[in-house]
Full PDB file with SEQRES, HELIX, SHEET, SSBOND, CRYST1, ORIGX, SCALE, CONECT and MASTER records, all heavy atoms in Angstrom:
SEQRES   1 A   35  ILE ASP LEU VAL PRO GLU ASN ILE PRO LEU ASP ILE VAL          
SEQRES   2 A   35  TYR GLU ASP ARG HIS LEU ILE VAL VAL ASP LYS HIS ALA          
SEQRES   3 A   35  GLY LEU VAL VAL HIS PRO THR ALA SER                          
SHEET    1 AA1 2 ILE A  12  GLU A  15  0                                        
SHEET    2 AA1 2 ILE A  20  VAL A  22 -1                                        
CRYST1    1.000    1.000    1.000  90.00  90.00  90.00 P 1           1          
ORIGX1      1.000000  0.000000  0.000000        0.00000                         
ORIGX2      0.000000  1.000000  0.000000        0.00000                         
ORIGX3      0.000000  0.000000  1.000000        0.00000                         
SCALE1      1.000000  0.000000  0.000000        0.00000                         
SCALE2      0.000000  1.000000  0.000000        0.00000                         
SCALE3      0.000000  0.000000  1.000000        0.00000                         
ATOM      1  N   ILE A   1       0.834  -1.189   0.000  1.00  0.00           N  
ATOM      2  CA  ILE A   1       0.000   0.000   0.000  1.00  0.00           C  
ATOM      3  C   ILE A   1       0.875   1.247   0.000  1.00  0.00           C  
ATOM      4  O   ILE A   1       2.027   1.223   0.435  1.00  0.00           O  
ATOM      5  CB  ILE A   1      -0.936   0.017   1.224  1.00  0.00           C  
ATOM      6  CG1 ILE A   1      -0.119  -0.072   2.531  1.00  0.00           C  
ATOM      7  CG2 ILE A   1      -1.925  -1.119   1.164  1.00  0.00           C  
ATOM      8  CD1 ILE A   1      -0.953   0.031   3.777  1.00  0.00           C  
ATOM      9  N   ASP A   2       0.297   2.313  -0.534  1.00  0.00           N  
ATOM     10  CA  ASP A   2       1.065   3.544  -0.600  1.00  0.00           C  
ATOM     11  C   ASP A   2       0.626   4.543   0.467  1.00  0.00           C  
ATOM     12  O   ASP A   2       0.871   5.732   0.346  1.00  0.00           O  
ATOM     13  CB  ASP A   2       0.943   4.173  -1.997  1.00  0.00           C  
ATOM     14  CG  ASP A   2      -0.495   4.507  -2.354  1.00  0.00           C  
ATOM     15  OD1 ASP A   2      -1.394   4.215  -1.530  1.00  0.00           O  
ATOM     16  OD2 ASP A   2      -0.727   5.063  -3.442  1.00  0.00           O  
ATOM     17  N   LEU A   3      -0.035   4.032   1.503  1.00  0.00           N  
ATOM     18  CA  LEU A   3      -0.429   4.908   2.602  1.00  0.00           C  
ATOM     19  C   LEU A   3       0.811   5.332   3.377  1.00  0.00           C  
ATOM     20  O   LEU A   3       1.733   4.540   3.583  1.00  0.00           O  
ATOM     21  CB  LEU A   3      -1.408   4.196   3.532  1.00  0.00           C  
ATOM     22  CG  LEU A   3      -2.749   3.772   2.907  1.00  0.00           C  
ATOM     23  CD1 LEU A   3      -3.600   3.065   3.941  1.00  0.00           C  
ATOM     24  CD2 LEU A   3      -3.479   4.978   2.355  1.00  0.00           C  
ATOM     25  N   VAL A   4       0.803   6.564   3.828  1.00  0.00           N  
ATOM     26  CA  VAL A   4       1.965   7.114   4.526  1.00  0.00           C  
ATOM     27  C   VAL A   4       1.774   6.994   6.037  1.00  0.00           C  
ATOM     28  O   VAL A   4       0.789   7.496   6.571  1.00  0.00           O  
ATOM     29  CB  VAL A   4       2.156   8.597   4.148  1.00  0.00           C  
ATOM     30  CG1 VAL A   4       3.330   9.186   4.914  1.00  0.00           C  
ATOM     31  CG2 VAL A   4       2.344   8.738   2.646  1.00  0.00           C  
ATOM     32  N   PRO A   5       2.686   6.314   6.745  1.00  0.00           N  
ATOM     33  CA  PRO A   5       2.614   6.311   8.204  1.00  0.00           C  
ATOM     34  C   PRO A   5       2.753   7.740   8.740  1.00  0.00           C  
ATOM     35  O   PRO A   5       3.602   8.504   8.264  1.00  0.00           O  
ATOM     36  CB  PRO A   5       3.810   5.448   8.614  1.00  0.00           C  
ATOM     37  CG  PRO A   5       4.117   4.615   7.406  1.00  0.00           C  
ATOM     38  CD  PRO A   5       3.791   5.491   6.238  1.00  0.00           C  
ATOM     39  N   GLU A   6       1.925   8.105   9.696  1.00  0.00           N  
ATOM     40  CA  GLU A   6       1.954   9.453  10.240  1.00  0.00           C  
ATOM     41  C   GLU A   6       2.037   9.404  11.759  1.00  0.00           C  
ATOM     42  O   GLU A   6       1.348   8.605  12.405  1.00  0.00           O  
ATOM     43  CB  GLU A   6       0.706  10.231   9.810  1.00  0.00           C  
ATOM     44  CG  GLU A   6       0.608  10.466   8.314  1.00  0.00           C  
ATOM     45  CD  GLU A   6      -0.638  11.243   7.951  1.00  0.00           C  
ATOM     46  OE1 GLU A   6      -0.763  12.417   8.363  1.00  0.00           O  
ATOM     47  OE2 GLU A   6      -1.510  10.676   7.262  1.00  0.00           O  
ATOM     48  N   ASN A   7       2.834  10.280  12.305  1.00  0.00           N  
ATOM     49  CA  ASN A   7       3.017  10.336  13.758  1.00  0.00           C  
ATOM     50  C   ASN A   7       1.867  11.115  14.398  1.00  0.00           C  
ATOM     51  O   ASN A   7       2.033  12.221  14.889  1.00  0.00           O  
ATOM     52  CB  ASN A   7       4.364  10.980  14.092  1.00  0.00           C  
ATOM     53  CG  ASN A   7       4.686  10.881  15.573  1.00  0.00           C  
ATOM     54  OD1 ASN A   7       4.009  10.164  16.320  1.00  0.00           O  
ATOM     55  ND2 ASN A   7       5.707  11.594  16.003  1.00  0.00           N  
ATOM     56  N   ILE A   8       0.694  10.499  14.375  1.00  0.00           N  
ATOM     57  CA  ILE A   8      -0.497  11.075  14.979  1.00  0.00           C  
ATOM     58  C   ILE A   8      -0.627  10.496  16.383  1.00  0.00           C  
ATOM     59  O   ILE A   8      -0.613   9.274  16.559  1.00  0.00           O  
ATOM     60  CB  ILE A   8      -1.745  10.737  14.146  1.00  0.00           C  
ATOM     61  CG1 ILE A   8      -1.611  11.296  12.733  1.00  0.00           C  
ATOM     62  CG2 ILE A   8      -3.012  11.276  14.815  1.00  0.00           C  
ATOM     63  CD1 ILE A   8      -2.684  10.803  11.779  1.00  0.00           C  
ATOM     64  N   PRO A   9      -0.748  11.331  17.419  1.00  0.00           N  
ATOM     65  CA  PRO A   9      -0.840  10.804  18.787  1.00  0.00           C  
ATOM     66  C   PRO A   9      -2.016   9.856  18.963  1.00  0.00           C  
ATOM     67  O   PRO A   9      -3.108  10.105  18.463  1.00  0.00           O  
ATOM     68  CB  PRO A   9      -1.029  12.080  19.628  1.00  0.00           C  
ATOM     69  CG  PRO A   9      -0.474  13.182  18.802  1.00  0.00           C  
ATOM     70  CD  PRO A   9      -0.764  12.806  17.381  1.00  0.00           C  
ATOM     71  N   LEU A  10      -1.768   8.750  19.647  1.00  0.00           N  
ATOM     72  CA  LEU A  10      -2.799   7.765  19.932  1.00  0.00           C  
ATOM     73  C   LEU A  10      -2.947   7.591  21.437  1.00  0.00           C  
ATOM     74  O   LEU A  10      -1.946   7.585  22.172  1.00  0.00           O  
ATOM     75  CB  LEU A  10      -2.440   6.412  19.314  1.00  0.00           C  
ATOM     76  CG  LEU A  10      -2.488   6.292  17.789  1.00  0.00           C  
ATOM     77  CD1 LEU A  10      -1.952   4.921  17.365  1.00  0.00           C  
ATOM     78  CD2 LEU A  10      -3.898   6.493  17.267  1.00  0.00           C  
ATOM     79  N   ASP A  11      -4.183   7.431  21.890  1.00  0.00           N  
ATOM     80  CA  ASP A  11      -4.438   7.104  23.288  1.00  0.00           C  
ATOM     81  C   ASP A  11      -4.534   5.584  23.365  1.00  0.00           C  
ATOM     82  O   ASP A  11      -5.585   4.995  23.119  1.00  0.00           O  
ATOM     83  CB  ASP A  11      -5.732   7.774  23.748  1.00  0.00           C  
ATOM     84  CG  ASP A  11      -5.979   7.603  25.242  1.00  0.00           C  
ATOM     85  OD1 ASP A  11      -5.213   6.853  25.886  1.00  0.00           O  
ATOM     86  OD2 ASP A  11      -6.932   8.205  25.760  1.00  0.00           O  
ATOM     87  N   ILE A  12      -3.417   4.937  23.695  1.00  0.00           N  
ATOM     88  CA  ILE A  12      -3.346   3.472  23.688  1.00  0.00           C  
ATOM     89  C   ILE A  12      -3.781   2.925  25.045  1.00  0.00           C  
ATOM     90  O   ILE A  12      -3.217   3.273  26.090  1.00  0.00           O  
ATOM     91  CB  ILE A  12      -1.927   3.004  23.344  1.00  0.00           C  
ATOM     92  CG1 ILE A  12      -1.547   3.496  21.943  1.00  0.00           C  
ATOM     93  CG2 ILE A  12      -1.827   1.477  23.423  1.00  0.00           C  
ATOM     94  CD1 ILE A  12      -0.094   3.287  21.592  1.00  0.00           C  
ATOM     95  N   VAL A  13      -4.789   2.069  25.024  1.00  0.00           N  
ATOM     96  CA  VAL A  13      -5.328   1.478  26.246  1.00  0.00           C  
ATOM     97  C   VAL A  13      -4.658   0.136  26.542  1.00  0.00           C  
ATOM     98  O   VAL A  13      -4.427  -0.230  27.690  1.00  0.00           O  
ATOM     99  CB  VAL A  13      -6.853   1.293  26.106  1.00  0.00           C  
ATOM    100  CG1 VAL A  13      -7.445   0.612  27.338  1.00  0.00           C  
ATOM    101  CG2 VAL A  13      -7.533   2.642  25.865  1.00  0.00           C  
ATOM    102  N   TYR A  14      -4.336  -0.610  25.475  1.00  0.00           N  
ATOM    103  CA  TYR A  14      -3.703  -1.923  25.624  1.00  0.00           C  
ATOM    104  C   TYR A  14      -2.956  -2.230  24.337  1.00  0.00           C  
ATOM    105  O   TYR A  14      -3.410  -1.883  23.246  1.00  0.00           O  
ATOM    106  CB  TYR A  14      -4.761  -3.007  25.877  1.00  0.00           C  
ATOM    107  CG  TYR A  14      -4.206  -4.415  25.898  1.00  0.00           C  
ATOM    108  CD1 TYR A  14      -3.694  -4.963  27.061  1.00  0.00           C  
ATOM    109  CD2 TYR A  14      -4.195  -5.194  24.734  1.00  0.00           C  
ATOM    110  CE1 TYR A  14      -3.174  -6.250  27.075  1.00  0.00           C  
ATOM    111  CE2 TYR A  14      -3.680  -6.485  24.738  1.00  0.00           C  
ATOM    112  CZ  TYR A  14      -3.167  -7.002  25.917  1.00  0.00           C  
ATOM    113  OH  TYR A  14      -2.642  -8.274  25.938  1.00  0.00           O  
ATOM    114  N   GLU A  15      -1.815  -2.920  24.485  1.00  0.00           N  
ATOM    115  CA  GLU A  15      -1.078  -3.341  23.299  1.00  0.00           C  
ATOM    116  C   GLU A  15      -0.177  -4.515  23.624  1.00  0.00           C  
ATOM    117  O   GLU A  15       0.441  -4.581  24.691  1.00  0.00           O  
ATOM    118  CB  GLU A  15      -0.234  -2.183  22.742  1.00  0.00           C  
ATOM    119  CG  GLU A  15       0.506  -2.544  21.461  1.00  0.00           C  
ATOM    120  CD  GLU A  15       1.338  -1.391  20.903  1.00  0.00           C  
ATOM    121  OE1 GLU A  15       1.556  -0.409  21.637  1.00  0.00           O  
ATOM    122  OE2 GLU A  15       1.770  -1.475  19.736  1.00  0.00           O  
ATOM    123  N   ASP A  16      -0.145  -5.475  22.701  1.00  0.00           N  
ATOM    124  CA  ASP A  16       0.872  -6.514  22.729  1.00  0.00           C  
ATOM    125  C   ASP A  16       1.259  -6.801  21.282  1.00  0.00           C  
ATOM    126  O   ASP A  16       0.901  -6.041  20.388  1.00  0.00           O  
ATOM    127  CB  ASP A  16       0.390  -7.775  23.482  1.00  0.00           C  
ATOM    128  CG  ASP A  16      -0.845  -8.420  22.853  1.00  0.00           C  
ATOM    129  OD1 ASP A  16      -1.097  -8.208  21.649  1.00  0.00           O  
ATOM    130  OD2 ASP A  16      -1.558  -9.144  23.569  1.00  0.00           O  
ATOM    131  N   ARG A  17       1.997  -7.871  21.030  1.00  0.00           N  
ATOM    132  CA  ARG A  17       2.481  -8.100  19.671  1.00  0.00           C  
ATOM    133  C   ARG A  17       1.396  -8.638  18.740  1.00  0.00           C  
ATOM    134  O   ARG A  17       1.630  -8.791  17.541  1.00  0.00           O  
ATOM    135  CB  ARG A  17       3.683  -9.039  19.676  1.00  0.00           C  
ATOM    136  CG  ARG A  17       3.430 -10.416  20.207  1.00  0.00           C  
ATOM    137  CD  ARG A  17       4.735 -11.152  20.415  1.00  0.00           C  
ATOM    138  NE  ARG A  17       4.552 -12.515  20.900  1.00  0.00           N  
ATOM    139  CZ  ARG A  17       4.474 -13.572  20.119  1.00  0.00           C  
ATOM    140  NH1 ARG A  17       4.565 -13.429  18.803  1.00  0.00           N  
ATOM    141  NH2 ARG A  17       4.303 -14.784  20.618  1.00  0.00           N  
ATOM    142  N   HIS A  18       0.189  -8.885  19.289  1.00  0.00           N  
ATOM    143  CA  HIS A  18      -0.893  -9.437  18.491  1.00  0.00           C  
ATOM    144  C   HIS A  18      -1.973  -8.408  18.129  1.00  0.00           C  
ATOM    145  O   HIS A  18      -2.580  -8.503  17.066  1.00  0.00           O  
ATOM    146  CB  HIS A  18      -1.552 -10.609  19.222  1.00  0.00           C  
ATOM    147  CG  HIS A  18      -0.590 -11.665  19.652  1.00  0.00           C  
ATOM    148  ND1 HIS A  18       0.014 -12.529  18.761  1.00  0.00           N  
ATOM    149  CD2 HIS A  18      -0.101 -11.983  20.890  1.00  0.00           C  
ATOM    150  CE1 HIS A  18       0.822 -13.343  19.420  1.00  0.00           C  
ATOM    151  NE2 HIS A  18       0.779 -13.039  20.695  1.00  0.00           N  
ATOM    152  N   LEU A  19      -2.208  -7.469  19.023  1.00  0.00           N  
ATOM    153  CA  LEU A  19      -3.305  -6.525  18.807  1.00  0.00           C  
ATOM    154  C   LEU A  19      -3.075  -5.246  19.596  1.00  0.00           C  
ATOM    155  O   LEU A  19      -2.171  -5.157  20.435  1.00  0.00           O  
ATOM    156  CB  LEU A  19      -4.644  -7.167  19.187  1.00  0.00           C  
ATOM    157  CG  LEU A  19      -4.801  -7.676  20.637  1.00  0.00           C  
ATOM    158  CD1 LEU A  19      -5.367  -6.600  21.547  1.00  0.00           C  
ATOM    159  CD2 LEU A  19      -5.720  -8.903  20.675  1.00  0.00           C  
ATOM    160  N   ILE A  20      -3.909  -4.261  19.315  1.00  0.00           N  
ATOM    161  CA  ILE A  20      -3.834  -2.978  20.001  1.00  0.00           C  
ATOM    162  C   ILE A  20      -5.257  -2.458  20.213  1.00  0.00           C  
ATOM    163  O   ILE A  20      -6.135  -2.656  19.366  1.00  0.00           O  
ATOM    164  CB  ILE A  20      -2.985  -1.966  19.192  1.00  0.00           C  
ATOM    165  CG1 ILE A  20      -2.819  -0.645  19.965  1.00  0.00           C  
ATOM    166  CG2 ILE A  20      -3.575  -1.724  17.813  1.00  0.00           C  
ATOM    167  CD1 ILE A  20      -1.812   0.302  19.315  1.00  0.00           C  
ATOM    168  N   VAL A  21      -5.498  -1.845  21.374  1.00  0.00           N  
ATOM    169  CA  VAL A  21      -6.779  -1.212  21.683  1.00  0.00           C  
ATOM    170  C   VAL A  21      -6.518   0.267  21.917  1.00  0.00           C  
ATOM    171  O   VAL A  21      -5.640   0.626  22.714  1.00  0.00           O  
ATOM    172  CB  VAL A  21      -7.440  -1.832  22.931  1.00  0.00           C  
ATOM    173  CG1 VAL A  21      -8.744  -1.088  23.284  1.00  0.00           C  
ATOM    174  CG2 VAL A  21      -7.719  -3.318  22.708  1.00  0.00           C  
ATOM    175  N   VAL A  22      -7.251   1.120  21.205  1.00  0.00           N  
ATOM    176  CA  VAL A  22      -7.062   2.559  21.342  1.00  0.00           C  
ATOM    177  C   VAL A  22      -8.369   3.226  21.742  1.00  0.00           C  
ATOM    178  O   VAL A  22      -9.460   2.697  21.493  1.00  0.00           O  
ATOM    179  CB  VAL A  22      -6.533   3.199  20.035  1.00  0.00           C  
ATOM    180  CG1 VAL A  22      -5.197   2.610  19.650  1.00  0.00           C  
ATOM    181  CG2 VAL A  22      -7.544   3.036  18.905  1.00  0.00           C  
ATOM    182  N   ASP A  23      -8.248   4.385  22.363  1.00  0.00           N  
ATOM    183  CA  ASP A  23      -9.393   5.220  22.717  1.00  0.00           C  
ATOM    184  C   ASP A  23      -9.444   6.350  21.696  1.00  0.00           C  
ATOM    185  O   ASP A  23      -8.661   7.296  21.764  1.00  0.00           O  
ATOM    186  CB  ASP A  23      -9.202   5.760  24.143  1.00  0.00           C  
ATOM    187  CG  ASP A  23     -10.484   6.324  24.728  1.00  0.00           C  
ATOM    188  OD1 ASP A  23     -11.460   6.498  23.966  1.00  0.00           O  
ATOM    189  OD2 ASP A  23     -10.514   6.603  25.950  1.00  0.00           O  
ATOM    190  N   LYS A  24     -10.341   6.218  20.725  1.00  0.00           N  
ATOM    191  CA  LYS A  24     -10.394   7.154  19.599  1.00  0.00           C  
ATOM    192  C   LYS A  24     -11.052   8.469  19.992  1.00  0.00           C  
ATOM    193  O   LYS A  24     -12.074   8.487  20.673  1.00  0.00           O  
ATOM    194  CB  LYS A  24     -11.164   6.528  18.428  1.00  0.00           C  
ATOM    195  CG  LYS A  24     -11.066   7.332  17.130  1.00  0.00           C  
ATOM    196  CD  LYS A  24     -11.923   6.745  16.026  1.00  0.00           C  
ATOM    197  CE  LYS A  24     -13.343   7.257  16.089  1.00  0.00           C  
ATOM    198  NZ  LYS A  24     -13.465   8.698  15.775  1.00  0.00           N  
ATOM    199  N   HIS A  25     -10.469   9.573  19.530  1.00  0.00           N  
ATOM    200  CA  HIS A  25     -11.069  10.879  19.803  1.00  0.00           C  
ATOM    201  C   HIS A  25     -11.977  11.307  18.663  1.00  0.00           C  
ATOM    202  O   HIS A  25     -11.932  10.748  17.552  1.00  0.00           O  
ATOM    203  CB  HIS A  25      -9.981  11.933  20.058  1.00  0.00           C  
ATOM    204  CG  HIS A  25      -9.053  12.153  18.905  1.00  0.00           C  
ATOM    205  ND1 HIS A  25      -9.408  12.831  17.759  1.00  0.00           N  
ATOM    206  CD2 HIS A  25      -7.749  11.765  18.720  1.00  0.00           C  
ATOM    207  CE1 HIS A  25      -8.397  12.877  16.928  1.00  0.00           C  
ATOM    208  NE2 HIS A  25      -7.374  12.224  17.466  1.00  0.00           N  
ATOM    209  N   ALA A  26     -12.802  12.282  18.909  1.00  0.00           N  
ATOM    210  CA  ALA A  26     -13.731  12.781  17.895  1.00  0.00           C  
ATOM    211  C   ALA A  26     -12.966  13.431  16.753  1.00  0.00           C  
ATOM    212  O   ALA A  26     -11.909  14.038  16.950  1.00  0.00           O  
ATOM    213  CB  ALA A  26     -14.695  13.793  18.513  1.00  0.00           C  
ATOM    214  N   GLY A  27     -13.494  13.277  15.554  1.00  0.00           N  
ATOM    215  CA  GLY A  27     -12.890  13.898  14.380  1.00  0.00           C  
ATOM    216  C   GLY A  27     -11.866  13.041  13.680  1.00  0.00           C  
ATOM    217  O   GLY A  27     -11.401  13.404  12.589  1.00  0.00           O  
ATOM    218  N   LEU A  28     -11.495  11.906  14.267  1.00  0.00           N  
ATOM    219  CA  LEU A  28     -10.496  11.031  13.659  1.00  0.00           C  
ATOM    220  C   LEU A  28     -11.184   9.989  12.780  1.00  0.00           C  
ATOM    221  O   LEU A  28     -11.931   9.136  13.272  1.00  0.00           O  
ATOM    222  CB  LEU A  28      -9.665  10.335  14.737  1.00  0.00           C  
ATOM    223  CG  LEU A  28      -8.539   9.419  14.250  1.00  0.00           C  
ATOM    224  CD1 LEU A  28      -7.497  10.204  13.466  1.00  0.00           C  
ATOM    225  CD2 LEU A  28      -7.884   8.694  15.435  1.00  0.00           C  
ATOM    226  N   VAL A  29     -10.939  10.057  11.482  1.00  0.00           N  
ATOM    227  CA  VAL A  29     -11.470   9.071  10.545  1.00  0.00           C  
ATOM    228  C   VAL A  29     -10.703   7.765  10.733  1.00  0.00           C  
ATOM    229  O   VAL A  29      -9.478   7.767  10.906  1.00  0.00           O  
ATOM    230  CB  VAL A  29     -11.319   9.576   9.092  1.00  0.00           C  
ATOM    231  CG1 VAL A  29     -11.761   8.510   8.094  1.00  0.00           C  
ATOM    232  CG2 VAL A  29     -12.126  10.853   8.895  1.00  0.00           C  
ATOM    233  N   VAL A  30     -11.410   6.634  10.701  1.00  0.00           N  
ATOM    234  CA  VAL A  30     -10.758   5.356  10.996  1.00  0.00           C  
ATOM    235  C   VAL A  30      -9.832   4.908   9.877  1.00  0.00           C  
ATOM    236  O   VAL A  30      -8.681   4.548  10.123  1.00  0.00           O  
ATOM    237  CB  VAL A  30     -11.814   4.273  11.301  1.00  0.00           C  
ATOM    238  CG1 VAL A  30     -11.171   2.883  11.335  1.00  0.00           C  
ATOM    239  CG2 VAL A  30     -12.483   4.562  12.639  1.00  0.00           C  
ATOM    240  N   HIS A  31     -10.313   4.908   8.648  1.00  0.00           N  
ATOM    241  CA  HIS A  31      -9.475   4.402   7.555  1.00  0.00           C  
ATOM    242  C   HIS A  31      -9.544   5.327   6.351  1.00  0.00           C  
ATOM    243  O   HIS A  31     -10.535   6.039   6.148  1.00  0.00           O  
ATOM    244  CB  HIS A  31      -9.883   2.984   7.160  1.00  0.00           C  
ATOM    245  CG  HIS A  31     -11.314   2.856   6.742  1.00  0.00           C  
ATOM    246  ND1 HIS A  31     -11.778   3.276   5.512  1.00  0.00           N  
ATOM    247  CD2 HIS A  31     -12.395   2.372   7.387  1.00  0.00           C  
ATOM    248  CE1 HIS A  31     -13.059   3.044   5.420  1.00  0.00           C  
ATOM    249  NE2 HIS A  31     -13.472   2.499   6.548  1.00  0.00           N  
ATOM    250  N   PRO A  32      -8.517   5.317   5.530  1.00  0.00           N  
ATOM    251  CA  PRO A  32      -8.508   6.171   4.339  1.00  0.00           C  
ATOM    252  C   PRO A  32      -9.580   5.753   3.333  1.00  0.00           C  
ATOM    253  O   PRO A  32     -10.071   4.628   3.348  1.00  0.00           O  
ATOM    254  CB  PRO A  32      -7.108   5.964   3.749  1.00  0.00           C  
ATOM    255  CG  PRO A  32      -6.300   5.390   4.861  1.00  0.00           C  
ATOM    256  CD  PRO A  32      -7.253   4.575   5.676  1.00  0.00           C  
ATOM    257  N   THR A  33      -9.904   6.662   2.467  1.00  0.00           N  
ATOM    258  CA  THR A  33     -10.763   6.375   1.325  1.00  0.00           C  
ATOM    259  C   THR A  33      -9.999   6.784   0.069  1.00  0.00           C  
ATOM    260  O   THR A  33      -8.871   7.279   0.160  1.00  0.00           O  
ATOM    261  CB  THR A  33     -12.077   7.174   1.407  1.00  0.00           C  
ATOM    262  OG1 THR A  33     -11.776   8.571   1.335  1.00  0.00           O  
ATOM    263  CG2 THR A  33     -12.812   6.883   2.708  1.00  0.00           C  
ATOM    264  N   ALA A  34     -10.613   6.599  -1.069  1.00  0.00           N  
ATOM    265  CA  ALA A  34      -9.940   6.979  -2.310  1.00  0.00           C  
ATOM    266  C   ALA A  34      -9.623   8.462  -2.341  1.00  0.00           C  
ATOM    267  O   ALA A  34      -8.645   8.893  -2.966  1.00  0.00           O  
ATOM    268  CB  ALA A  34     -10.815   6.598  -3.504  1.00  0.00           C  
ATOM    269  N   SER A  35     -10.434   9.268  -1.633  1.00  0.00           N  
ATOM    270  CA  SER A  35     -10.227  10.717  -1.656  1.00  0.00           C  
ATOM    271  C   SER A  35      -9.517  11.251  -0.417  1.00  0.00           C  
ATOM    272  O   SER A  35      -9.022  12.369  -0.413  1.00  0.00           O  
ATOM    273  CB  SER A  35     -11.580  11.432  -1.805  1.00  0.00           C  
ATOM    274  OG  SER A  35     -12.443  11.082  -0.737  1.00  0.00           O  
TER     275      SER A  35                                                      
MASTER        0    0    0    0    2    0    0    6  274    1    0    3          
END                                                                             
């Protein structure tokens, strides 16, 4: 994929090498779209 990793602050609630749980804030779109 040609998506660019971005250093956007995340509120991480839990993480290990298998999965991650985050507390999403308002205004943050979950995944990119074509536009």
